[in-house]
Amino acid sequence: NQKGSRGSAPAKPETQKAPPPIEVPALSLDELKEKTDNFGSKALIGEGSYGRVYYATLNNGKAVAVKKLDVSSEPESNNEFLTQA
């Protein structure tokens, strides 16, 4: 057995760490409109296949992205939207 070799020790399987939970504060639609300038173009930071993303600052000073679902006649796309982080 050479120095530094692993020998016949079984390889440890790599364990994936679970992603940290995402805190989602409860905000009313009125609050969201206020924080995003009524979902205005100044707060718009991106668009995706399911909606637009807006920048907002919460009352505690934390910067957040607010994803607004575009109304769709296809319920399955709404489910896909909900699975996105």
PDB file of N, CA and C in Angstrom:
ATOM      1  N   ASN A   1       0.845  -1.184   0.000  1.00  0.00           N
ATOM      2  CA  ASN A   1       0.000   0.000   0.000  1.00  0.00           C
ATOM      3  C   ASN A   1       0.886   1.242   0.000  1.00  0.00           C
ATOM      4  N   GLN A   2       0.735   2.064  -1.021  1.00  0.00           N
ATOM      5  CA  GLN A   2       1.582   3.248  -1.145  1.00  0.00           C
ATOM      6  C   GLN A   2       1.010   4.392  -0.316  1.00  0.00           C
ATOM      7  N   LYS A   3       1.926   5.222   0.144  1.00  0.00           N
ATOM      8  CA  LYS A   3       1.521   6.380   0.935  1.00  0.00           C
ATOM      9  C   LYS A   3       0.682   7.317   0.060  1.00  0.00           C
ATOM     10  N   GLY A   4      -0.457   7.746   0.588  1.00  0.00           N
ATOM     11  CA  GLY A   4      -1.296   8.688  -0.146  1.00  0.00           C
ATOM     12  C   GLY A   4      -2.341   8.013  -1.013  1.00  0.00           C
ATOM     13  N   SER A   5      -2.292   6.696  -1.156  1.00  0.00           N
ATOM     14  CA  SER A   5      -3.306   6.033  -1.973  1.00  0.00           C
ATOM     15  C   SER A   5      -4.552   5.800  -1.129  1.00  0.00           C
ATOM     16  N   ARG A   6      -5.667   5.661  -1.798  1.00  0.00           N
ATOM     17  CA  ARG A   6      -6.926   5.484  -1.088  1.00  0.00           C
ATOM     18  C   ARG A   6      -7.146   4.032  -0.682  1.00  0.00           C
ATOM     19  N   GLY A   7      -6.415   3.126  -1.280  1.00  0.00           N
ATOM     20  CA  GLY A   7      -6.581   1.726  -0.935  1.00  0.00           C
ATOM     21  C   GLY A   7      -7.950   1.233  -1.350  1.00  0.00           C
ATOM     22  N   SER A   8      -8.537   0.378  -0.546  1.00  0.00           N
ATOM     23  CA  SER A   8      -9.834  -0.196  -0.894  1.00  0.00           C
ATOM     24  C   SER A   8     -10.977   0.423  -0.094  1.00  0.00           C
ATOM     25  N   ALA A   9     -10.745   1.586   0.473  1.00  0.00           N
ATOM     26  CA  ALA A   9     -11.800   2.249   1.243  1.00  0.00           C
ATOM     27  C   ALA A   9     -12.945   2.617   0.309  1.00  0.00           C
ATOM     28  N   PRO A  10     -14.177   2.362   0.731  1.00  0.00           N
ATOM     29  CA  PRO A  10     -15.314   2.693  -0.143  1.00  0.00           C
ATOM     30  C   PRO A  10     -15.428   4.206  -0.330  1.00  0.00           C
ATOM     31  N   ALA A  11     -15.796   4.593  -1.534  1.00  0.00           N
ATOM     32  CA  ALA A  11     -15.956   6.021  -1.820  1.00  0.00           C
ATOM     33  C   ALA A  11     -17.223   6.520  -1.140  1.00  0.00           C
ATOM     34  N   LYS A  12     -17.123   7.682  -0.544  1.00  0.00           N
ATOM     35  CA  LYS A  12     -18.293   8.260   0.112  1.00  0.00           C
ATOM     36  C   LYS A  12     -19.172   8.907  -0.956  1.00  0.00           C
ATOM     37  N   PRO A  13     -20.454   8.612  -0.943  1.00  0.00           N
ATOM     38  CA  PRO A  13     -21.327   9.278  -1.919  1.00  0.00           C
ATOM     39  C   PRO A  13     -21.425  10.760  -1.583  1.00  0.00           C
ATOM     40  N   GLU A  14     -21.440  11.570  -2.626  1.00  0.00           N
ATOM     41  CA  GLU A  14     -21.546  13.015  -2.398  1.00  0.00           C
ATOM     42  C   GLU A  14     -22.976  13.334  -1.987  1.00  0.00           C
ATOM     43  N   THR A  15     -23.098  14.037  -0.895  1.00  0.00           N
ATOM     44  CA  THR A  15     -24.430  14.423  -0.439  1.00  0.00           C
ATOM     45  C   THR A  15     -24.687  15.857  -0.867  1.00  0.00           C
ATOM     46  N   GLN A  16     -25.849  16.055  -1.441  1.00  0.00           N
ATOM     47  CA  GLN A  16     -26.206  17.405  -1.864  1.00  0.00           C
ATOM     48  C   GLN A  16     -26.874  18.118  -0.704  1.00  0.00           C
ATOM     49  N   LYS A  17     -26.439  19.331  -0.485  1.00  0.00           N
ATOM     50  CA  LYS A  17     -27.055  20.131   0.567  1.00  0.00           C
ATOM     51  C   LYS A  17     -28.373  20.687   0.044  1.00  0.00           C
ATOM     52  N   ALA A  18     -29.361  20.660   0.891  1.00  0.00           N
ATOM     53  CA  ALA A  18     -30.652  21.227   0.512  1.00  0.00           C
ATOM     54  C   ALA A  18     -30.505  22.740   0.435  1.00  0.00           C
ATOM     55  N   PRO A  19     -31.168  23.367  -0.547  1.00  0.00           N
ATOM     56  CA  PRO A  19     -31.087  24.829  -0.625  1.00  0.00           C
ATOM     57  C   PRO A  19     -31.740  25.449   0.598  1.00  0.00           C
ATOM     58  N   PRO A  20     -31.247  26.609   1.013  1.00  0.00           N
ATOM     59  CA  PRO A  20     -31.852  27.256   2.185  1.00  0.00           C
ATOM     60  C   PRO A  20     -33.291  27.650   1.867  1.00  0.00           C
ATOM     61  N   PRO A  21     -34.160  27.640   2.856  1.00  0.00           N
ATOM     62  CA  PRO A  21     -35.552  28.027   2.602  1.00  0.00           C
ATOM     63  C   PRO A  21     -35.629  29.499   2.206  1.00  0.00           C
ATOM     64  N   ILE A  22     -36.565  29.797   1.353  1.00  0.00           N
ATOM     65  CA  ILE A  22     -36.764  31.174   0.905  1.00  0.00           C
ATOM     66  C   ILE A  22     -37.908  31.772   1.712  1.00  0.00           C
ATOM     67  N   GLU A  23     -37.612  32.868   2.384  1.00  0.00           N
ATOM     68  CA  GLU A  23     -38.656  33.544   3.150  1.00  0.00           C
ATOM     69  C   GLU A  23     -39.487  34.389   2.204  1.00  0.00           C
ATOM     70  N   VAL A  24     -40.788  34.187   2.245  1.00  0.00           N
ATOM     71  CA  VAL A  24     -41.692  34.948   1.395  1.00  0.00           C
ATOM     72  C   VAL A  24     -42.631  35.723   2.306  1.00  0.00           C
ATOM     73  N   PRO A  25     -42.412  37.030   2.417  1.00  0.00           N
ATOM     74  CA  PRO A  25     -43.282  37.815   3.296  1.00  0.00           C
ATOM     75  C   PRO A  25     -44.676  37.955   2.688  1.00  0.00           C
ATOM     76  N   ALA A  26     -45.670  38.008   3.540  1.00  0.00           N
ATOM     77  CA  ALA A  26     -47.046  38.213   3.087  1.00  0.00           C
ATOM     78  C   ALA A  26     -47.242  39.706   2.840  1.00  0.00           C
ATOM     79  N   LEU A  27     -47.504  40.052   1.594  1.00  0.00           N
ATOM     80  CA  LEU A  27     -47.744  41.449   1.227  1.00  0.00           C
ATOM     81  C   LEU A  27     -49.051  41.532   0.456  1.00  0.00           C
ATOM     82  N   SER A  28     -49.803  42.575   0.702  1.00  0.00           N
ATOM     83  CA  SER A  28     -51.049  42.766  -0.036  1.00  0.00           C
ATOM     84  C   SER A  28     -50.729  43.290  -1.432  1.00  0.00           C
ATOM     85  N   LEU A  29     -51.706  43.191  -2.318  1.00  0.00           N
ATOM     86  CA  LEU A  29     -51.525  43.711  -3.670  1.00  0.00           C
ATOM     87  C   LEU A  29     -51.244  45.210  -3.626  1.00  0.00           C
ATOM     88  N   ASP A  30     -51.921  45.914  -2.727  1.00  0.00           N
ATOM     89  CA  ASP A  30     -51.683  47.358  -2.604  1.00  0.00           C
ATOM     90  C   ASP A  30     -50.236  47.646  -2.211  1.00  0.00           C
ATOM     91  N   GLU A  31     -49.700  46.837  -1.273  1.00  0.00           N
ATOM     92  CA  GLU A  31     -48.299  47.019  -0.871  1.00  0.00           C
ATOM     93  C   GLU A  31     -47.360  46.739  -2.042  1.00  0.00           C
ATOM     94  N   LEU A  32     -47.648  45.676  -2.795  1.00  0.00           N
ATOM     95  CA  LEU A  32     -46.804  45.342  -3.943  1.00  0.00           C
ATOM     96  C   LEU A  32     -46.832  46.455  -4.984  1.00  0.00           C
ATOM     97  N   LYS A  33     -48.011  47.008  -5.211  1.00  0.00           N
ATOM     98  CA  LYS A  33     -48.121  48.114  -6.167  1.00  0.00           C
ATOM     99  C   LYS A  33     -47.312  49.317  -5.690  1.00  0.00           C
ATOM    100  N   GLU A  34     -47.395  49.594  -4.382  1.00  0.00           N
ATOM    101  CA  GLU A  34     -46.649  50.728  -3.823  1.00  0.00           C
ATOM    102  C   GLU A  34     -45.142  50.511  -3.972  1.00  0.00           C
ATOM    103  N   LYS A  35     -44.678  49.305  -3.651  1.00  0.00           N
ATOM    104  CA  LYS A  35     -43.238  49.012  -3.663  1.00  0.00           C
ATOM    105  C   LYS A  35     -42.664  48.943  -5.076  1.00  0.00           C
ATOM    106  N   THR A  36     -43.519  48.638  -6.075  1.00  0.00           N
ATOM    107  CA  THR A  36     -43.032  48.493  -7.452  1.00  0.00           C
ATOM    108  C   THR A  36     -43.478  49.649  -8.346  1.00  0.00           C
ATOM    109  N   ASP A  37     -43.910  50.736  -7.746  1.00  0.00           N
ATOM    110  CA  ASP A  37     -44.405  51.883  -8.511  1.00  0.00           C
ATOM    111  C   ASP A  37     -45.517  51.430  -9.462  1.00  0.00           C
ATOM    112  N   ASN A  38     -46.495  50.703  -8.887  1.00  0.00           N
ATOM    113  CA  ASN A  38     -47.634  50.163  -9.634  1.00  0.00           C
ATOM    114  C   ASN A  38     -47.172  49.251 -10.775  1.00  0.00           C
ATOM    115  N   PHE A  39     -46.169  48.422 -10.479  1.00  0.00           N
ATOM    116  CA  PHE A  39     -45.567  47.523 -11.470  1.00  0.00           C
ATOM    117  C   PHE A  39     -45.139  48.312 -12.708  1.00  0.00           C
ATOM    118  N   GLY A  40     -44.528  49.457 -12.452  1.00  0.00           N
ATOM    119  CA  GLY A  40     -44.126  50.358 -13.524  1.00  0.00           C
ATOM    120  C   GLY A  40     -42.796  49.993 -14.159  1.00  0.00           C
ATOM    121  N   SER A  41     -42.517  50.647 -15.277  1.00  0.00           N
ATOM    122  CA  SER A  41     -41.310  50.343 -16.054  1.00  0.00           C
ATOM    123  C   SER A  41     -40.026  50.685 -15.296  1.00  0.00           C
ATOM    124  N   LYS A  42     -40.085  51.653 -14.372  1.00  0.00           N
ATOM    125  CA  LYS A  42     -38.880  51.999 -13.603  1.00  0.00           C
ATOM    126  C   LYS A  42     -38.450  50.856 -12.691  1.00  0.00           C
ATOM    127  N   ALA A  43     -39.417  50.050 -12.221  1.00  0.00           N
ATOM    128  CA  ALA A  43     -39.111  48.938 -11.322  1.00  0.00           C
ATOM    129  C   ALA A  43     -38.889  47.623 -12.075  1.00  0.00           C
ATOM    130  N   LEU A  44     -39.188  47.600 -13.371  1.00  0.00           N
ATOM    131  CA  LEU A  44     -39.059  46.376 -14.165  1.00  0.00           C
ATOM    132  C   LEU A  44     -37.588  46.018 -14.335  1.00  0.00           C
ATOM    133  N   ILE A  45     -37.227  44.784 -13.941  1.00  0.00           N
ATOM    134  CA  ILE A  45     -35.825  44.367 -14.073  1.00  0.00           C
ATOM    135  C   ILE A  45     -35.657  43.169 -14.993  1.00  0.00           C
ATOM    136  N   GLY A  46     -36.759  42.572 -15.437  1.00  0.00           N
ATOM    137  CA  GLY A  46     -36.621  41.440 -16.347  1.00  0.00           C
ATOM    138  C   GLY A  46     -37.958  40.852 -16.741  1.00  0.00           C
ATOM    139  N   GLU A  47     -37.910  40.057 -17.816  1.00  0.00           N
ATOM    140  CA  GLU A  47     -39.102  39.366 -18.281  1.00  0.00           C
ATOM    141  C   GLU A  47     -38.755  37.920 -18.529  1.00  0.00           C
ATOM    142  N   GLY A  48     -39.674  37.050 -18.185  1.00  0.00           N
ATOM    143  CA  GLY A  48     -39.480  35.628 -18.416  1.00  0.00           C
ATOM    144  C   GLY A  48     -40.645  35.066 -19.202  1.00  0.00           C
ATOM    145  N   SER A  49     -40.654  33.763 -19.332  1.00  0.00           N
ATOM    146  CA  SER A  49     -41.704  33.127 -20.118  1.00  0.00           C
ATOM    147  C   SER A  49     -43.056  33.153 -19.407  1.00  0.00           C
ATOM    148  N   TYR A  50     -43.058  33.380 -18.097  1.00  0.00           N
ATOM    149  CA  TYR A  50     -44.309  33.349 -17.350  1.00  0.00           C
ATOM    150  C   TYR A  50     -44.712  34.693 -16.776  1.00  0.00           C
ATOM    151  N   GLY A  51     -43.882  35.700 -16.920  1.00  0.00           N
ATOM    152  CA  GLY A  51     -44.244  36.983 -16.360  1.00  0.00           C
ATOM    153  C   GLY A  51     -43.071  37.932 -16.301  1.00  0.00           C
ATOM    154  N   ARG A  52     -43.262  38.998 -15.583  1.00  0.00           N
ATOM    155  CA  ARG A  52     -42.236  40.033 -15.443  1.00  0.00           C
ATOM    156  C   ARG A  52     -41.716  40.056 -14.015  1.00  0.00           C
ATOM    157  N   VAL A  53     -40.495  40.557 -13.867  1.00  0.00           N
ATOM    158  CA  VAL A  53     -39.852  40.627 -12.559  1.00  0.00           C
ATOM    159  C   VAL A  53     -39.577  42.092 -12.240  1.00  0.00           C
ATOM    160  N   TYR A  54     -39.952  42.489 -11.039  1.00  0.00           N
ATOM    161  CA  TYR A  54     -39.817  43.874 -10.606  1.00  0.00           C
ATOM    162  C   TYR A  54     -38.941  43.959  -9.364  1.00  0.00           C
ATOM    163  N   TYR A  55     -38.240  45.079  -9.237  1.00  0.00           N
ATOM    164  CA  TYR A  55     -37.411  45.369  -8.069  1.00  0.00           C
ATOM    165  C   TYR A  55     -38.274  46.084  -7.042  1.00  0.00           C
ATOM    166  N   ALA A  56     -38.092  45.723  -5.780  1.00  0.00           N
ATOM    167  CA  ALA A  56     -38.797  46.409  -4.694  1.00  0.00           C
ATOM    168  C   ALA A  56     -37.925  46.404  -3.451  1.00  0.00           C
ATOM    169  N   THR A  57     -38.145  47.377  -2.587  1.00  0.00           N
ATOM    170  CA  THR A  57     -37.470  47.423  -1.294  1.00  0.00           C
ATOM    171  C   THR A  57     -38.534  47.294  -0.214  1.00  0.00           C
ATOM    172  N   LEU A  58     -38.378  46.281   0.638  1.00  0.00           N
ATOM    173  CA  LEU A  58     -39.349  46.050   1.705  1.00  0.00           C
ATOM    174  C   LEU A  58     -39.174  47.077   2.820  1.00  0.00           C
ATOM    175  N   ASN A  59     -40.126  47.110   3.734  1.00  0.00           N
ATOM    176  CA  ASN A  59     -40.074  48.060   4.851  1.00  0.00           C
ATOM    177  C   ASN A  59     -38.838  47.872   5.717  1.00  0.00           C
ATOM    178  N   ASN A  60     -38.306  46.635   5.764  1.00  0.00           N
ATOM    179  CA  ASN A  60     -37.105  46.387   6.568  1.00  0.00           C
ATOM    180  C   ASN A  60     -35.823  46.743   5.815  1.00  0.00           C
ATOM    181  N   GLY A  61     -35.962  47.309   4.604  1.00  0.00           N
ATOM    182  CA  GLY A  61     -34.806  47.730   3.824  1.00  0.00           C
ATOM    183  C   GLY A  61     -34.241  46.664   2.905  1.00  0.00           C
ATOM    184  N   LYS A  62     -34.808  45.476   2.941  1.00  0.00           N
ATOM    185  CA  LYS A  62     -34.305  44.375   2.124  1.00  0.00           C
ATOM    186  C   LYS A  62     -34.766  44.532   0.675  1.00  0.00           C
ATOM    187  N   ALA A  63     -33.818  44.406  -0.257  1.00  0.00           N
ATOM    188  CA  ALA A  63     -34.134  44.471  -1.683  1.00  0.00           C
ATOM    189  C   ALA A  63     -34.625  43.101  -2.137  1.00  0.00           C
ATOM    190  N   VAL A  64     -35.712  43.092  -2.897  1.00  0.00           N
ATOM    191  CA  VAL A  64     -36.291  41.835  -3.362  1.00  0.00           C
ATOM    192  C   VAL A  64     -36.700  41.938  -4.825  1.00  0.00           C
ATOM    193  N   ALA A  65     -36.858  40.773  -5.443  1.00  0.00           N
ATOM    194  CA  ALA A  65     -37.416  40.682  -6.785  1.00  0.00           C
ATOM    195  C   ALA A  65     -38.844  40.176  -6.641  1.00  0.00           C
ATOM    196  N   VAL A  66     -39.770  40.841  -7.307  1.00  0.00           N
ATOM    197  CA  VAL A  66     -41.176  40.461  -7.268  1.00  0.00           C
ATOM    198  C   VAL A  66     -41.546  39.930  -8.645  1.00  0.00           C
ATOM    199  N   LYS A  67     -41.959  38.671  -8.690  1.00  0.00           N
ATOM    200  CA  LYS A  67     -42.330  38.048  -9.956  1.00  0.00           C
ATOM    201  C   LYS A  67     -43.847  38.136 -10.105  1.00  0.00           C
ATOM    202  N   LYS A  68     -44.304  38.747 -11.199  1.00  0.00           N
ATOM    203  CA  LYS A  68     -45.736  38.906 -11.443  1.00  0.00           C
ATOM    204  C   LYS A  68     -46.129  38.004 -12.606  1.00  0.00           C
ATOM    205  N   LEU A  69     -47.017  37.073 -12.338  1.00  0.00           N
ATOM    206  CA  LEU A  69     -47.475  36.125 -13.339  1.00  0.00           C
ATOM    207  C   LEU A  69     -48.343  36.828 -14.370  1.00  0.00           C
ATOM    208  N   ASP A  70     -48.038  36.603 -15.650  1.00  0.00           N
ATOM    209  CA  ASP A  70     -48.923  37.075 -16.702  1.00  0.00           C
ATOM    210  C   ASP A  70     -50.145  36.171 -16.713  1.00  0.00           C
ATOM    211  N   VAL A  71     -51.322  36.759 -16.841  1.00  0.00           N
ATOM    212  CA  VAL A  71     -52.545  35.967 -16.867  1.00  0.00           C
ATOM    213  C   VAL A  71     -52.489  35.052 -18.081  1.00  0.00           C
ATOM    214  N   SER A  72     -52.743  33.770 -17.827  1.00  0.00           N
ATOM    215  CA  SER A  72     -52.654  32.782 -18.893  1.00  0.00           C
ATOM    216  C   SER A  72     -53.902  31.930 -18.900  1.00  0.00           C
ATOM    217  N   SER A  73     -54.309  31.522 -20.081  1.00  0.00           N
ATOM    218  CA  SER A  73     -55.460  30.629 -20.180  1.00  0.00           C
ATOM    219  C   SER A  73     -55.040  29.178 -20.005  1.00  0.00           C
ATOM    220  N   GLU A  74     -53.741  28.935 -19.847  1.00  0.00           N
ATOM    221  CA  GLU A  74     -53.237  27.579 -19.705  1.00  0.00           C
ATOM    222  C   GLU A  74     -52.866  27.323 -18.246  1.00  0.00           C
ATOM    223  N   PRO A  75     -53.681  26.553 -17.513  1.00  0.00           N
ATOM    224  CA  PRO A  75     -53.401  26.315 -16.088  1.00  0.00           C
ATOM    225  C   PRO A  75     -52.064  25.639 -15.834  1.00  0.00           C
ATOM    226  N   GLU A  76     -51.593  24.789 -16.758  1.00  0.00           N
ATOM    227  CA  GLU A  76     -50.317  24.114 -16.519  1.00  0.00           C
ATOM    228  C   GLU A  76     -49.160  25.103 -16.483  1.00  0.00           C
ATOM    229  N   SER A  77     -49.253  26.200 -17.227  1.00  0.00           N
ATOM    230  CA  SER A  77     -48.172  27.183 -17.177  1.00  0.00           C
ATOM    231  C   SER A  77     -48.164  27.901 -15.831  1.00  0.00           C
ATOM    232  N   ASN A  78     -49.328  28.047 -15.205  1.00  0.00           N
ATOM    233  CA  ASN A  78     -49.373  28.639 -13.868  1.00  0.00           C
ATOM    234  C   ASN A  78     -48.659  27.740 -12.868  1.00  0.00           C
ATOM    235  N   ASN A  79     -48.839  26.428 -12.991  1.00  0.00           N
ATOM    236  CA  ASN A  79     -48.154  25.491 -12.096  1.00  0.00           C
ATOM    237  C   ASN A  79     -46.652  25.556 -12.299  1.00  0.00           C
ATOM    238  N   GLU A  80     -46.208  25.664 -13.544  1.00  0.00           N
ATOM    239  CA  GLU A  80     -44.774  25.772 -13.819  1.00  0.00           C
ATOM    240  C   GLU A  80     -44.217  27.059 -13.223  1.00  0.00           C
ATOM    241  N   PHE A  81     -44.974  28.144 -13.312  1.00  0.00           N
ATOM    242  CA  PHE A  81     -44.558  29.415 -12.724  1.00  0.00           C
ATOM    243  C   PHE A  81     -44.330  29.257 -11.225  1.00  0.00           C
ATOM    244  N   LEU A  82     -45.233  28.549 -10.563  1.00  0.00           N
ATOM    245  CA  LEU A  82     -45.147  28.392  -9.112  1.00  0.00           C
ATOM    246  C   LEU A  82     -43.947  27.571  -8.680  1.00  0.00           C
ATOM    247  N   THR A  83     -43.405  26.741  -9.561  1.00  0.00           N
ATOM    248  CA  THR A  83     -42.250  25.922  -9.191  1.00  0.00           C
ATOM    249  C   THR A  83     -40.941  26.666  -9.364  1.00  0.00           C
ATOM    250  N   GLN A  84     -40.961  27.830 -10.001  1.00  0.00           N
ATOM    251  CA  GLN A  84     -39.734  28.604 -10.174  1.00  0.00           C
ATOM    252  C   GLN A  84     -39.386  29.305  -8.874  1.00  0.00           C
ATOM    253  N   ALA A  85     -38.106  29.443  -8.629  1.00  0.00           N
ATOM    254  CA  ALA A  85     -37.654  30.143  -7.426  1.00  0.00           C
ATOM    255  C   ALA A  85     -37.409  31.596  -7.717  1.00  0.00           C
TER     256      ALA A  85
END
